[in-house]
PDB file of N, CA and C in Angstrom:
ATOM      1  N   MET A   1      48.878  31.958  18.099  1.00  0.00           N
ATOM      2  CA  MET A   1      48.362  30.764  18.717  1.00  0.00           C
ATOM      3  C   MET A   1      49.084  29.553  18.133  1.00  0.00           C
ATOM      4  N   LEU A   2      49.449  28.616  18.994  1.00  0.00           N
ATOM      5  CA  LEU A   2      50.133  27.422  18.542  1.00  0.00           C
ATOM      6  C   LEU A   2      49.157  26.476  17.872  1.00  0.00           C
ATOM      7  N   ASN A   3      49.611  25.824  16.823  1.00  0.00           N
ATOM      8  CA  ASN A   3      48.782  24.853  16.130  1.00  0.00           C
ATOM      9  C   ASN A   3      49.317  23.465  16.452  1.00  0.00           C
ATOM     10  N   HIS A   4      48.676  22.783  17.395  1.00  0.00           N
ATOM     11  CA  HIS A   4      49.096  21.454  17.795  1.00  0.00           C
ATOM     12  C   HIS A   4      48.333  20.416  16.990  1.00  0.00           C
ATOM     13  N   SER A   5      48.948  19.281  16.747  1.00  0.00           N
ATOM     14  CA  SER A   5      48.261  18.199  16.057  1.00  0.00           C
ATOM     15  C   SER A   5      48.840  16.873  16.511  1.00  0.00           C
ATOM     16  N   PHE A   6      48.215  15.782  16.053  1.00  0.00           N
ATOM     17  CA  PHE A   6      48.715  14.465  16.386  1.00  0.00           C
ATOM     18  C   PHE A   6      50.047  14.186  15.701  1.00  0.00           C
ATOM     19  N   ASN A   7      50.448  15.006  14.745  1.00  0.00           N
ATOM     20  CA  ASN A   7      51.746  14.837  14.112  1.00  0.00           C
ATOM     21  C   ASN A   7      52.878  15.260  15.035  1.00  0.00           C
ATOM     22  N   ASP A   8      52.559  15.986  16.066  1.00  0.00           N
ATOM     23  CA  ASP A   8      53.547  16.451  17.038  1.00  0.00           C
ATOM     24  C   ASP A   8      53.489  15.524  18.249  1.00  0.00           C
ATOM     25  N   PRO A   9      54.498  14.645  18.440  1.00  0.00           N
ATOM     26  CA  PRO A   9      54.432  13.678  19.537  1.00  0.00           C
ATOM     27  C   PRO A   9      54.374  14.327  20.906  1.00  0.00           C
ATOM     28  N   THR A  10      54.986  15.499  21.081  1.00  0.00           N
ATOM     29  CA  THR A  10      54.929  16.154  22.383  1.00  0.00           C
ATOM     30  C   THR A  10      53.510  16.604  22.691  1.00  0.00           C
ATOM     31  N   CYS A  11      52.780  16.997  21.667  1.00  0.00           N
ATOM     32  CA  CYS A  11      51.391  17.391  21.868  1.00  0.00           C
ATOM     33  C   CYS A  11      50.554  16.187  22.263  1.00  0.00           C
ATOM     34  N   LEU A  12      50.757  15.064  21.586  1.00  0.00           N
ATOM     35  CA  LEU A  12      50.003  13.848  21.893  1.00  0.00           C
ATOM     36  C   LEU A  12      50.271  13.404  23.324  1.00  0.00           C
ATOM     37  N   ILE A  13      51.528  13.368  23.711  1.00  0.00           N
ATOM     38  CA  ILE A  13      51.879  12.942  25.063  1.00  0.00           C
ATOM     39  C   ILE A  13      51.329  13.919  26.087  1.00  0.00           C
ATOM     40  N   GLY A  14      51.498  15.206  25.846  1.00  0.00           N
ATOM     41  CA  GLY A  14      50.996  16.211  26.782  1.00  0.00           C
ATOM     42  C   GLY A  14      49.485  16.179  26.912  1.00  0.00           C
ATOM     43  N   ALA A  15      48.802  16.064  25.791  1.00  0.00           N
ATOM     44  CA  ALA A  15      47.346  16.025  25.824  1.00  0.00           C
ATOM     45  C   ALA A  15      46.861  14.753  26.502  1.00  0.00           C
ATOM     46  N   THR A  16      47.549  13.648  26.255  1.00  0.00           N
ATOM     47  CA  THR A  16      47.175  12.391  26.906  1.00  0.00           C
ATOM     48  C   THR A  16      47.312  12.520  28.409  1.00  0.00           C
ATOM     49  N   TRP A  17      48.428  13.066  28.851  1.00  0.00           N
ATOM     50  CA  TRP A  17      48.641  13.222  30.282  1.00  0.00           C
ATOM     51  C   TRP A  17      47.594  14.155  30.873  1.00  0.00           C
ATOM     52  N   CYS A  18      47.352  15.284  30.246  1.00  0.00           N
ATOM     53  CA  CYS A  18      46.370  16.248  30.758  1.00  0.00           C
ATOM     54  C   CYS A  18      44.996  15.615  30.901  1.00  0.00           C
ATOM     55  N   ARG A  19      44.591  14.896  29.880  1.00  0.00           N
ATOM     56  CA  ARG A  19      43.250  14.316  29.887  1.00  0.00           C
ATOM     57  C   ARG A  19      43.123  13.211  30.913  1.00  0.00           C
ATOM     58  N   THR A  20      44.058  12.249  30.904  1.00  0.00           N
ATOM     59  CA  THR A  20      43.920  11.131  31.833  1.00  0.00           C
ATOM     60  C   THR A  20      44.124  11.592  33.269  1.00  0.00           C
ATOM     61  N   ALA A  21      45.070  12.482  33.497  1.00  0.00           N
ATOM     62  CA  ALA A  21      45.273  12.998  34.857  1.00  0.00           C
ATOM     63  C   ALA A  21      44.046  13.773  35.320  1.00  0.00           C
ATOM     64  N   SER A  22      43.458  14.564  34.446  1.00  0.00           N
ATOM     65  CA  SER A  22      42.269  15.329  34.822  1.00  0.00           C
ATOM     66  C   SER A  22      41.093  14.416  35.131  1.00  0.00           C
ATOM     67  N   ILE A  23      40.922  13.365  34.337  1.00  0.00           N
ATOM     68  CA  ILE A  23      39.846  12.408  34.614  1.00  0.00           C
ATOM     69  C   ILE A  23      40.108  11.718  35.947  1.00  0.00           C
ATOM     70  N   ASP A  24      41.345  11.325  36.199  1.00  0.00           N
ATOM     71  CA  ASP A  24      41.685  10.686  37.477  1.00  0.00           C
ATOM     72  C   ASP A  24      41.396  11.631  38.644  1.00  0.00           C
ATOM     73  N   PHE A  25      41.767  12.894  38.504  1.00  0.00           N
ATOM     74  CA  PHE A  25      41.483  13.867  39.560  1.00  0.00           C
ATOM     75  C   PHE A  25      39.980  14.005  39.793  1.00  0.00           C
ATOM     76  N   ILE A  26      39.220  14.115  38.728  1.00  0.00           N
ATOM     77  CA  ILE A  26      37.774  14.252  38.866  1.00  0.00           C
ATOM     78  C   ILE A  26      37.197  13.064  39.622  1.00  0.00           C
ATOM     79  N   GLU A  27      37.604  11.874  39.241  1.00  0.00           N
ATOM     80  CA  GLU A  27      37.091  10.686  39.925  1.00  0.00           C
ATOM     81  C   GLU A  27      37.507  10.674  41.396  1.00  0.00           C
ATOM     82  N   GLU A  28      38.709  11.149  41.686  1.00  0.00           N
ATOM     83  CA  GLU A  28      39.150  11.244  43.077  1.00  0.00           C
ATOM     84  C   GLU A  28      38.320  12.282  43.836  1.00  0.00           C
ATOM     85  N   PHE A  29      38.042  13.407  43.202  1.00  0.00           N
ATOM     86  CA  PHE A  29      37.263  14.462  43.857  1.00  0.00           C
ATOM     87  C   PHE A  29      35.880  13.976  44.279  1.00  0.00           C
ATOM     88  N   VAL A  30      35.236  13.158  43.450  1.00  0.00           N
ATOM     89  CA  VAL A  30      33.848  12.756  43.723  1.00  0.00           C
ATOM     90  C   VAL A  30      33.744  11.371  44.359  1.00  0.00           C
ATOM     91  N   CYS A  31      34.872  10.730  44.639  1.00  0.00           N
ATOM     92  CA  CYS A  31      34.863   9.397  45.217  1.00  0.00           C
ATOM     93  C   CYS A  31      34.035   9.380  46.504  1.00  0.00           C
ATOM     94  N   GLY A  32      33.100   8.450  46.573  1.00  0.00           N
ATOM     95  CA  GLY A  32      32.267   8.305  47.768  1.00  0.00           C
ATOM     96  C   GLY A  32      31.081   9.249  47.831  1.00  0.00           C
ATOM     97  N   MET A  33      30.930  10.112  46.836  1.00  0.00           N
ATOM     98  CA  MET A  33      29.820  11.061  46.830  1.00  0.00           C
ATOM     99  C   MET A  33      28.667  10.511  46.008  1.00  0.00           C
ATOM    100  N   ASP A  34      27.472  10.914  46.401  1.00  0.00           N
ATOM    101  CA  ASP A  34      26.326  10.724  45.526  1.00  0.00           C
ATOM    102  C   ASP A  34      25.940  12.102  45.005  1.00  0.00           C
ATOM    103  N   LEU A  35      24.927  12.155  44.163  1.00  0.00           N
ATOM    104  CA  LEU A  35      24.536  13.430  43.562  1.00  0.00           C
ATOM    105  C   LEU A  35      24.152  14.460  44.611  1.00  0.00           C
ATOM    106  N   ALA A  36      23.439  14.045  45.633  1.00  0.00           N
ATOM    107  CA  ALA A  36      23.017  14.991  46.685  1.00  0.00           C
ATOM    108  C   ALA A  36      24.227  15.621  47.376  1.00  0.00           C
ATOM    109  N   ALA A  37      25.222  14.810  47.702  1.00  0.00           N
ATOM    110  CA  ALA A  37      26.433  15.341  48.348  1.00  0.00           C
ATOM    111  C   ALA A  37      27.179  16.271  47.402  1.00  0.00           C
ATOM    112  N   TYR A  38      27.256  15.885  46.127  1.00  0.00           N
ATOM    113  CA  TYR A  38      27.943  16.716  45.131  1.00  0.00           C
ATOM    114  C   TYR A  38      27.255  18.075  44.992  1.00  0.00           C
ATOM    115  N   LYS A  39      25.940  18.088  44.994  1.00  0.00           N
ATOM    116  CA  LYS A  39      25.196  19.343  44.875  1.00  0.00           C
ATOM    117  C   LYS A  39      25.498  20.301  46.021  1.00  0.00           C
ATOM    118  N   GLN A  40      25.800  19.763  47.179  1.00  0.00           N
ATOM    119  CA  GLN A  40      26.068  20.591  48.359  1.00  0.00           C
ATOM    120  C   GLN A  40      27.525  21.044  48.463  1.00  0.00           C
ATOM    121  N   ASP A  41      28.410  20.444  47.697  1.00  0.00           N
ATOM    122  CA  ASP A  41      29.846  20.694  47.834  1.00  0.00           C
ATOM    123  C   ASP A  41      30.348  21.580  46.696  1.00  0.00           C
ATOM    124  N   THR A  42      30.258  22.887  46.880  1.00  0.00           N
ATOM    125  CA  THR A  42      30.641  23.818  45.820  1.00  0.00           C
ATOM    126  C   THR A  42      32.150  23.786  45.532  1.00  0.00           C
ATOM    127  N   ARG A  43      32.937  23.427  46.511  1.00  0.00           N
ATOM    128  CA  ARG A  43      34.387  23.330  46.288  1.00  0.00           C
ATOM    129  C   ARG A  43      34.689  22.194  45.314  1.00  0.00           C
ATOM    130  N   THR A  44      34.058  21.050  45.504  1.00  0.00           N
ATOM    131  CA  THR A  44      34.253  19.929  44.592  1.00  0.00           C
ATOM    132  C   THR A  44      33.706  20.262  43.209  1.00  0.00           C
ATOM    133  N   GLN A  45      32.563  20.925  43.162  1.00  0.00           N
ATOM    134  CA  GLN A  45      32.010  21.337  41.872  1.00  0.00           C
ATOM    135  C   GLN A  45      33.004  22.205  41.114  1.00  0.00           C
ATOM    136  N   ALA A  46      33.608  23.168  41.810  1.00  0.00           N
ATOM    137  CA  ALA A  46      34.570  24.067  41.164  1.00  0.00           C
ATOM    138  C   ALA A  46      35.797  23.297  40.680  1.00  0.00           C
ATOM    139  N   ALA A  47      36.279  22.352  41.479  1.00  0.00           N
ATOM    140  CA  ALA A  47      37.448  21.558  41.088  1.00  0.00           C
ATOM    141  C   ALA A  47      37.136  20.697  39.868  1.00  0.00           C
ATOM    142  N   VAL A  48      35.972  20.075  39.854  1.00  0.00           N
ATOM    143  CA  VAL A  48      35.574  19.238  38.725  1.00  0.00           C
ATOM    144  C   VAL A  48      35.444  20.082  37.466  1.00  0.00           C
ATOM    145  N   GLU A  49      34.782  21.230  37.589  1.00  0.00           N
ATOM    146  CA  GLU A  49      34.613  22.104  36.423  1.00  0.00           C
ATOM    147  C   GLU A  49      35.960  22.547  35.875  1.00  0.00           C
ATOM    148  N   ARG A  50      36.906  22.839  36.740  1.00  0.00           N
ATOM    149  CA  ARG A  50      38.241  23.251  36.301  1.00  0.00           C
ATOM    150  C   ARG A  50      38.921  22.133  35.515  1.00  0.00           C
ATOM    151  N   LYS A  51      38.846  20.921  36.007  1.00  0.00           N
ATOM    152  CA  LYS A  51      39.475  19.800  35.304  1.00  0.00           C
ATOM    153  C   LYS A  51      38.750  19.496  33.995  1.00  0.00           C
ATOM    154  N   MET A  52      37.446  19.704  33.940  1.00  0.00           N
ATOM    155  CA  MET A  52      36.727  19.531  32.676  1.00  0.00           C
ATOM    156  C   MET A  52      37.186  20.573  31.660  1.00  0.00           C
ATOM    157  N   LEU A  53      37.494  21.767  32.128  1.00  0.00           N
ATOM    158  CA  LEU A  53      38.039  22.791  31.232  1.00  0.00           C
ATOM    159  C   LEU A  53      39.388  22.360  30.675  1.00  0.00           C
ATOM    160  N   VAL A  54      40.217  21.737  31.508  1.00  0.00           N
ATOM    161  CA  VAL A  54      41.524  21.245  31.057  1.00  0.00           C
ATOM    162  C   VAL A  54      41.337  20.177  29.978  1.00  0.00           C
ATOM    163  N   ILE A  55      40.401  19.261  30.194  1.00  0.00           N
ATOM    164  CA  ILE A  55      40.118  18.209  29.215  1.00  0.00           C
ATOM    165  C   ILE A  55      39.664  18.824  27.900  1.00  0.00           C
ATOM    166  N   SER A  56      38.760  19.785  27.994  1.00  0.00           N
ATOM    167  CA  SER A  56      38.243  20.453  26.796  1.00  0.00           C
ATOM    168  C   SER A  56      39.351  21.177  26.048  1.00  0.00           C
ATOM    169  N   GLU A  57      40.193  21.872  26.774  1.00  0.00           N
ATOM    170  CA  GLU A  57      41.283  22.622  26.143  1.00  0.00           C
ATOM    171  C   GLU A  57      42.268  21.683  25.456  1.00  0.00           C
ATOM    172  N   ALA A  58      42.557  20.537  26.067  1.00  0.00           N
ATOM    173  CA  ALA A  58      43.447  19.564  25.429  1.00  0.00           C
ATOM    174  C   ALA A  58      42.838  19.079  24.116  1.00  0.00           C
ATOM    175  N   ALA A  59      41.525  18.849  24.102  1.00  0.00           N
ATOM    176  CA  ALA A  59      40.851  18.412  22.870  1.00  0.00           C
ATOM    177  C   ALA A  59      40.895  19.507  21.809  1.00  0.00           C
ATOM    178  N   ILE A  60      40.732  20.747  22.227  1.00  0.00           N
ATOM    179  CA  ILE A  60      40.794  21.875  21.290  1.00  0.00           C
ATOM    180  C   ILE A  60      42.188  21.955  20.670  1.00  0.00           C
ATOM    181  N   ARG A  61      43.210  21.818  21.482  1.00  0.00           N
ATOM    182  CA  ARG A  61      44.579  21.929  20.979  1.00  0.00           C
ATOM    183  C   ARG A  61      44.957  20.795  20.033  1.00  0.00           C
ATOM    184  N   LEU A  62      44.336  19.644  20.212  1.00  0.00           N
ATOM    185  CA  LEU A  62      44.622  18.526  19.310  1.00  0.00           C
ATOM    186  C   LEU A  62      44.023  18.749  17.936  1.00  0.00           C
ATOM    187  N   GLY A  63      42.970  19.529  17.861  1.00  0.00           N
ATOM    188  CA  GLY A  63      42.394  19.884  16.571  1.00  0.00           C
ATOM    189  C   GLY A  63      41.533  18.789  15.968  1.00  0.00           C
ATOM    190  N   GLU A  64      41.196  19.010  14.715  1.00  0.00           N
ATOM    191  CA  GLU A  64      40.273  18.110  14.023  1.00  0.00           C
ATOM    192  C   GLU A  64      40.890  16.755  13.693  1.00  0.00           C
ATOM    193  N   SER A  65      42.201  16.661  13.708  1.00  0.00           N
ATOM    194  CA  SER A  65      42.819  15.364  13.412  1.00  0.00           C
ATOM    195  C   SER A  65      42.519  14.332  14.498  1.00  0.00           C
ATOM    196  N   ALA A  66      42.025  14.780  15.647  1.00  0.00           N
ATOM    197  CA  ALA A  66      41.673  13.852  16.721  1.00  0.00           C
ATOM    198  C   ALA A  66      40.633  12.839  16.259  1.00  0.00           C
ATOM    199  N   GLU A  67      39.687  13.289  15.431  1.00  0.00           N
ATOM    200  CA  GLU A  67      38.641  12.392  14.925  1.00  0.00           C
ATOM    201  C   GLU A  67      39.220  11.280  14.056  1.00  0.00           C
ATOM    202  N   ILE A  68      40.307  11.583  13.352  1.00  0.00           N
ATOM    203  CA  ILE A  68      40.940  10.593  12.483  1.00  0.00           C
ATOM    204  C   ILE A  68      41.696   9.566  13.317  1.00  0.00           C
ATOM    205  N   VAL A  69      42.427  10.045  14.300  1.00  0.00           N
ATOM    206  CA  VAL A  69      43.258   9.165  15.115  1.00  0.00           C
ATOM    207  C   VAL A  69      42.421   8.352  16.103  1.00  0.00           C
ATOM    208  N   CYS A  70      41.380   8.963  16.643  1.00  0.00           N
ATOM    209  CA  CYS A  70      40.557   8.281  17.643  1.00  0.00           C
ATOM    210  C   CYS A  70      39.085   8.491  17.312  1.00  0.00           C
ATOM    211  N   PRO A  71      38.584   7.772  16.310  1.00  0.00           N
ATOM    212  CA  PRO A  71      37.184   7.940  15.924  1.00  0.00           C
ATOM    213  C   PRO A  71      36.241   7.378  16.986  1.00  0.00           C
ATOM    214  N   GLY A  72      35.020   7.846  16.943  1.00  0.00           N
ATOM    215  CA  GLY A  72      34.012   7.337  17.858  1.00  0.00           C
ATOM    216  C   GLY A  72      33.936   8.079  19.179  1.00  0.00           C
ATOM    217  N   VAL A  73      34.812   9.047  19.371  1.00  0.00           N
ATOM    218  CA  VAL A  73      34.772   9.887  20.567  1.00  0.00           C
ATOM    219  C   VAL A  73      34.027  11.158  20.199  1.00  0.00           C
ATOM    220  N   ALA A  74      33.201  11.632  21.089  1.00  0.00           N
ATOM    221  CA  ALA A  74      32.403  12.836  20.833  1.00  0.00           C
ATOM    222  C   ALA A  74      33.274  14.085  21.011  1.00  0.00           C
ATOM    223  N   TRP A  75      34.223  14.258  20.090  1.00  0.00           N
ATOM    224  CA  TRP A  75      35.193  15.358  20.201  1.00  0.00           C
ATOM    225  C   TRP A  75      34.508  16.718  20.238  1.00  0.00           C
ATOM    226  N   ARG A  76      33.495  16.902  19.432  1.00  0.00           N
ATOM    227  CA  ARG A  76      32.790  18.188  19.418  1.00  0.00           C
ATOM    228  C   ARG A  76      32.183  18.484  20.794  1.00  0.00           C
ATOM    229  N   ASP A  77      31.600  17.471  21.415  1.00  0.00           N
ATOM    230  CA  ASP A  77      31.020  17.648  22.750  1.00  0.00           C
ATOM    231  C   ASP A  77      32.099  17.937  23.790  1.00  0.00           C
ATOM    232  N   ILE A  78      33.236  17.262  23.664  1.00  0.00           N
ATOM    233  CA  ILE A  78      34.336  17.482  24.612  1.00  0.00           C
ATOM    234  C   ILE A  78      34.831  18.920  24.497  1.00  0.00           C
ATOM    235  N   ARG A  79      34.993  19.379  23.261  1.00  0.00           N
ATOM    236  CA  ARG A  79      35.420  20.769  23.075  1.00  0.00           C
ATOM    237  C   ARG A  79      34.327  21.721  23.561  1.00  0.00           C
ATOM    238  N   GLY A  80      33.093  21.358  23.303  1.00  0.00           N
ATOM    239  CA  GLY A  80      31.966  22.224  23.629  1.00  0.00           C
ATOM    240  C   GLY A  80      31.704  22.385  25.112  1.00  0.00           C
ATOM    241  N   ILE A  81      32.019  21.363  25.910  1.00  0.00           N
ATOM    242  CA  ILE A  81      31.733  21.493  27.337  1.00  0.00           C
ATOM    243  C   ILE A  81      32.581  22.598  27.959  1.00  0.00           C
ATOM    244  N   GLY A  82      33.768  22.803  27.419  1.00  0.00           N
ATOM    245  CA  GLY A  82      34.591  23.908  27.917  1.00  0.00           C
ATOM    246  C   GLY A  82      33.931  25.246  27.661  1.00  0.00           C
ATOM    247  N   ASN A  83      33.414  25.436  26.445  1.00  0.00           N
ATOM    248  CA  ASN A  83      32.689  26.674  26.146  1.00  0.00           C
ATOM    249  C   ASN A  83      31.482  26.825  27.039  1.00  0.00           C
ATOM    250  N   TRP A  84      30.747  25.740  27.195  1.00  0.00           N
ATOM    251  CA  TRP A  84      29.551  25.762  28.029  1.00  0.00           C
ATOM    252  C   TRP A  84      29.907  26.172  29.455  1.00  0.00           C
ATOM    253  N   LEU A  85      30.954  25.585  30.020  1.00  0.00           N
ATOM    254  CA  LEU A  85      31.363  25.927  31.380  1.00  0.00           C
ATOM    255  C   LEU A  85      31.850  27.368  31.473  1.00  0.00           C
ATOM    256  N   ARG A  86      32.644  27.801  30.489  1.00  0.00           N
ATOM    257  CA  ARG A  86      33.177  29.163  30.532  1.00  0.00           C
ATOM    258  C   ARG A  86      32.087  30.221  30.464  1.00  0.00           C
ATOM    259  N   HIS A  87      30.991  29.907  29.804  1.00  0.00           N
ATOM    260  CA  HIS A  87      29.956  30.920  29.608  1.00  0.00           C
ATOM    261  C   HIS A  87      28.805  30.818  30.595  1.00  0.00           C
ATOM    262  N   GLN A  88      28.963  30.034  31.638  1.00  0.00           N
ATOM    263  CA  GLN A  88      27.926  29.919  32.664  1.00  0.00           C
ATOM    264  C   GLN A  88      28.165  30.877  33.832  1.00  0.00           C
ATOM    265  N   TYR A  89      29.305  31.563  33.840  1.00  0.00           N
ATOM    266  CA  TYR A  89      29.664  32.410  34.972  1.00  0.00           C
ATOM    267  C   TYR A  89      28.661  33.520  35.249  1.00  0.00           C
ATOM    268  N   ASP A  90      27.961  33.982  34.234  1.00  0.00           N
ATOM    269  CA  ASP A  90      27.051  35.107  34.428  1.00  0.00           C
ATOM    270  C   ASP A  90      25.608  34.669  34.684  1.00  0.00           C
ATOM    271  N   ARG A  91      25.390  33.374  34.768  1.00  0.00           N
ATOM    272  CA  ARG A  91      24.043  32.870  35.002  1.00  0.00           C
ATOM    273  C   ARG A  91      23.778  32.784  36.497  1.00  0.00           C
ATOM    274  N   TYR A  92      22.599  33.148  36.880  1.00  0.00           N
ATOM    275  CA  TYR A  92      22.220  33.118  38.287  1.00  0.00           C
ATOM    276  C   TYR A  92      22.304  31.706  38.851  1.00  0.00           C
ATOM    277  N   ASP A  93      21.849  30.729  38.085  1.00  0.00           N
ATOM    278  CA  ASP A  93      21.801  29.356  38.578  1.00  0.00           C
ATOM    279  C   ASP A  93      23.090  28.580  38.323  1.00  0.00           C
ATOM    280  N   ARG A  94      24.081  29.230  37.795  1.00  0.00           N
ATOM    281  CA  ARG A  94      25.374  28.616  37.492  1.00  0.00           C
ATOM    282  C   ARG A  94      25.238  27.416  36.577  1.00  0.00           C
ATOM    283  N   VAL A  95      26.150  26.506  36.709  1.00  0.00           N
ATOM    284  CA  VAL A  95      26.200  25.327  35.858  1.00  0.00           C
ATOM    285  C   VAL A  95      25.162  24.310  36.340  1.00  0.00           C
ATOM    286  N   ASN A  96      24.565  23.592  35.408  1.00  0.00           N
ATOM    287  CA  ASN A  96      23.634  22.532  35.774  1.00  0.00           C
ATOM    288  C   ASN A  96      24.433  21.378  36.377  1.00  0.00           C
ATOM    289  N   VAL A  97      24.320  21.229  37.687  1.00  0.00           N
ATOM    290  CA  VAL A  97      25.127  20.257  38.422  1.00  0.00           C
ATOM    291  C   VAL A  97      24.827  18.825  37.977  1.00  0.00           C
ATOM    292  N   GLU A  98      23.583  18.542  37.663  1.00  0.00           N
ATOM    293  CA  GLU A  98      23.233  17.184  37.234  1.00  0.00           C
ATOM    294  C   GLU A  98      23.870  16.840  35.891  1.00  0.00           C
ATOM    295  N   THR A  99      23.973  17.812  35.000  1.00  0.00           N
ATOM    296  CA  THR A  99      24.639  17.574  33.718  1.00  0.00           C
ATOM    297  C   THR A  99      26.103  17.217  33.940  1.00  0.00           C
ATOM    298  N   VAL A 100      26.765  17.961  34.806  1.00  0.00           N
ATOM    299  CA  VAL A 100      28.171  17.679  35.111  1.00  0.00           C
ATOM    300  C   VAL A 100      28.295  16.307  35.770  1.00  0.00           C
ATOM    301  N   TRP A 101      27.420  16.016  36.722  1.00  0.00           N
ATOM    302  CA  TRP A 101      27.442  14.721  37.410  1.00  0.00           C
ATOM    303  C   TRP A 101      27.277  13.567  36.416  1.00  0.00           C
ATOM    304  N   ASN A 102      26.334  13.703  35.504  1.00  0.00           N
ATOM    305  CA  ASN A 102      26.117  12.659  34.498  1.00  0.00           C
ATOM    306  C   ASN A 102      27.330  12.512  33.582  1.00  0.00           C
ATOM    307  N   THR A 103      27.953  13.610  33.256  1.00  0.00           N
ATOM    308  CA  THR A 103      29.168  13.563  32.440  1.00  0.00           C
ATOM    309  C   THR A 103      30.272  12.796  33.161  1.00  0.00           C
ATOM    310  N   ILE A 104      30.416  13.051  34.449  1.00  0.00           N
ATOM    311  CA  ILE A 104      31.438  12.368  35.250  1.00  0.00           C
ATOM    312  C   ILE A 104      31.240  10.855  35.189  1.00  0.00           C
ATOM    313  N   HIS A 105      30.013  10.418  35.352  1.00  0.00           N
ATOM    314  CA  HIS A 105      29.745   8.987  35.483  1.00  0.00           C
ATOM    315  C   HIS A 105      29.456   8.271  34.172  1.00  0.00           C
ATOM    316  N   ASP A 106      28.932   8.985  33.195  1.00  0.00           N
ATOM    317  CA  ASP A 106      28.561   8.339  31.937  1.00  0.00           C
ATOM    318  C   ASP A 106      29.621   8.496  30.845  1.00  0.00           C
ATOM    319  N   ASP A 107      30.285   9.627  30.810  1.00  0.00           N
ATOM    320  CA  ASP A 107      31.159   9.949  29.678  1.00  0.00           C
ATOM    321  C   ASP A 107      32.654   9.819  29.976  1.00  0.00           C
ATOM    322  N   LEU A 108      33.074  10.155  31.187  1.00  0.00           N
ATOM    323  CA  LEU A 108      34.514  10.152  31.455  1.00  0.00           C
ATOM    324  C   LEU A 108      35.150   8.760  31.527  1.00  0.00           C
ATOM    325  N   PRO A 109      34.527   7.764  32.171  1.00  0.00           N
ATOM    326  CA  PRO A 109      35.198   6.453  32.217  1.00  0.00           C
ATOM    327  C   PRO A 109      35.470   5.851  30.830  1.00  0.00           C
ATOM    328  N   PRO A 110      34.486   5.836  29.908  1.00  0.00           N
ATOM    329  CA  PRO A 110      34.817   5.287  28.590  1.00  0.00           C
ATOM    330  C   PRO A 110      35.835   6.150  27.838  1.00  0.00           C
ATOM    331  N   LEU A 111      35.793   7.462  28.056  1.00  0.00           N
ATOM    332  CA  LEU A 111      36.762   8.342  27.417  1.00  0.00           C
ATOM    333  C   LEU A 111      38.167   8.008  27.893  1.00  0.00           C
ATOM    334  N   ARG A 112      38.330   7.804  29.189  1.00  0.00           N
ATOM    335  CA  ARG A 112      39.644   7.460  29.720  1.00  0.00           C
ATOM    336  C   ARG A 112      40.143   6.156  29.098  1.00  0.00           C
ATOM    337  N   GLN A 113      39.284   5.151  28.993  1.00  0.00           N
ATOM    338  CA  GLN A 113      39.680   3.872  28.422  1.00  0.00           C
ATOM    339  C   GLN A 113      40.116   4.015  26.962  1.00  0.00           C
ATOM    340  N   ARG A 114      39.352   4.740  26.184  1.00  0.00           N
ATOM    341  CA  ARG A 114      39.714   4.944  24.768  1.00  0.00           C
ATOM    342  C   ARG A 114      41.017   5.710  24.656  1.00  0.00           C
ATOM    343  N   TRP A 115      41.158   6.735  25.485  1.00  0.00           N
ATOM    344  CA  TRP A 115      42.346   7.581  25.420  1.00  0.00           C
ATOM    345  C   TRP A 115      43.596   6.796  25.814  1.00  0.00           C
ATOM    346  N   LYS A 116      43.489   5.999  26.879  1.00  0.00           N
ATOM    347  CA  LYS A 116      44.649   5.190  27.295  1.00  0.00           C
ATOM    348  C   LYS A 116      44.991   4.149  26.235  1.00  0.00           C
ATOM    349  N   LYS A 117      43.985   3.552  25.601  1.00  0.00           N
ATOM    350  CA  LYS A 117      44.237   2.581  24.549  1.00  0.00           C
ATOM    351  C   LYS A 117      44.938   3.243  23.368  1.00  0.00           C
ATOM    352  N   LEU A 118      44.452   4.399  22.969  1.00  0.00           N
ATOM    353  CA  LEU A 118      45.093   5.136  21.874  1.00  0.00           C
ATOM    354  C   LEU A 118      46.544   5.413  22.202  1.00  0.00           C
ATOM    355  N   PHE A 119      46.803   5.880  23.394  1.00  0.00           N
ATOM    356  CA  PHE A 119      48.163   6.240  23.776  1.00  0.00           C
ATOM    357  C   PHE A 119      49.053   5.001  23.829  1.00  0.00           C
ATOM    358  N   SER A 120      48.573   3.905  24.405  1.00  0.00           N
ATOM    359  CA  SER A 120      49.414   2.709  24.488  1.00  0.00           C
ATOM    360  C   SER A 120      49.654   2.098  23.102  1.00  0.00           C
ATOM    361  N   ASP A 121      48.667   2.202  22.199  1.00  0.00           N
ATOM    362  CA  ASP A 121      48.837   1.690  20.850  1.00  0.00           C
ATOM    363  C   ASP A 121      49.800   2.537  20.017  1.00  0.00           C
ATOM    364  N   SER A 122      49.945   3.815  20.386  1.00  0.00           N
ATOM    365  CA  SER A 122      50.776   4.706  19.581  1.00  0.00           C
ATOM    366  C   SER A 122      52.250   4.673  19.985  1.00  0.00           C
ATOM    367  N   LEU A 123      52.563   3.995  21.065  1.00  0.00           N
ATOM    368  CA  LEU A 123      53.970   3.949  21.511  1.00  0.00           C
ATOM    369  C   LEU A 123      54.752   2.883  20.786  1.00  0.00           C
TER     370      LEU A 123
END
């Protein structure tokens, strides 16, 4: 397994792109939707969950040094949502759609802002 860290500029750039692009895609997927529409659209739910997995994986690959470089971000939660999503496949009720919806609207916009600021400050 590769050990990526913030000391590797290619990892930082790649993780930044993955995260911001994934957040942008998620926002595009749900644009114009309310919670009721999102609950009915399983294709959008699947696309959002996939991009959340990408975000989580990028955070995992950055490792614990992420907290040092960008404090104040809930890195453990970001890494954890990937595990949570991966292990919901065997549940009858699948993923809690409201939890994902709240994450989209409450957690992703500030995360994108912090991440873009970190990246622009590091160049």
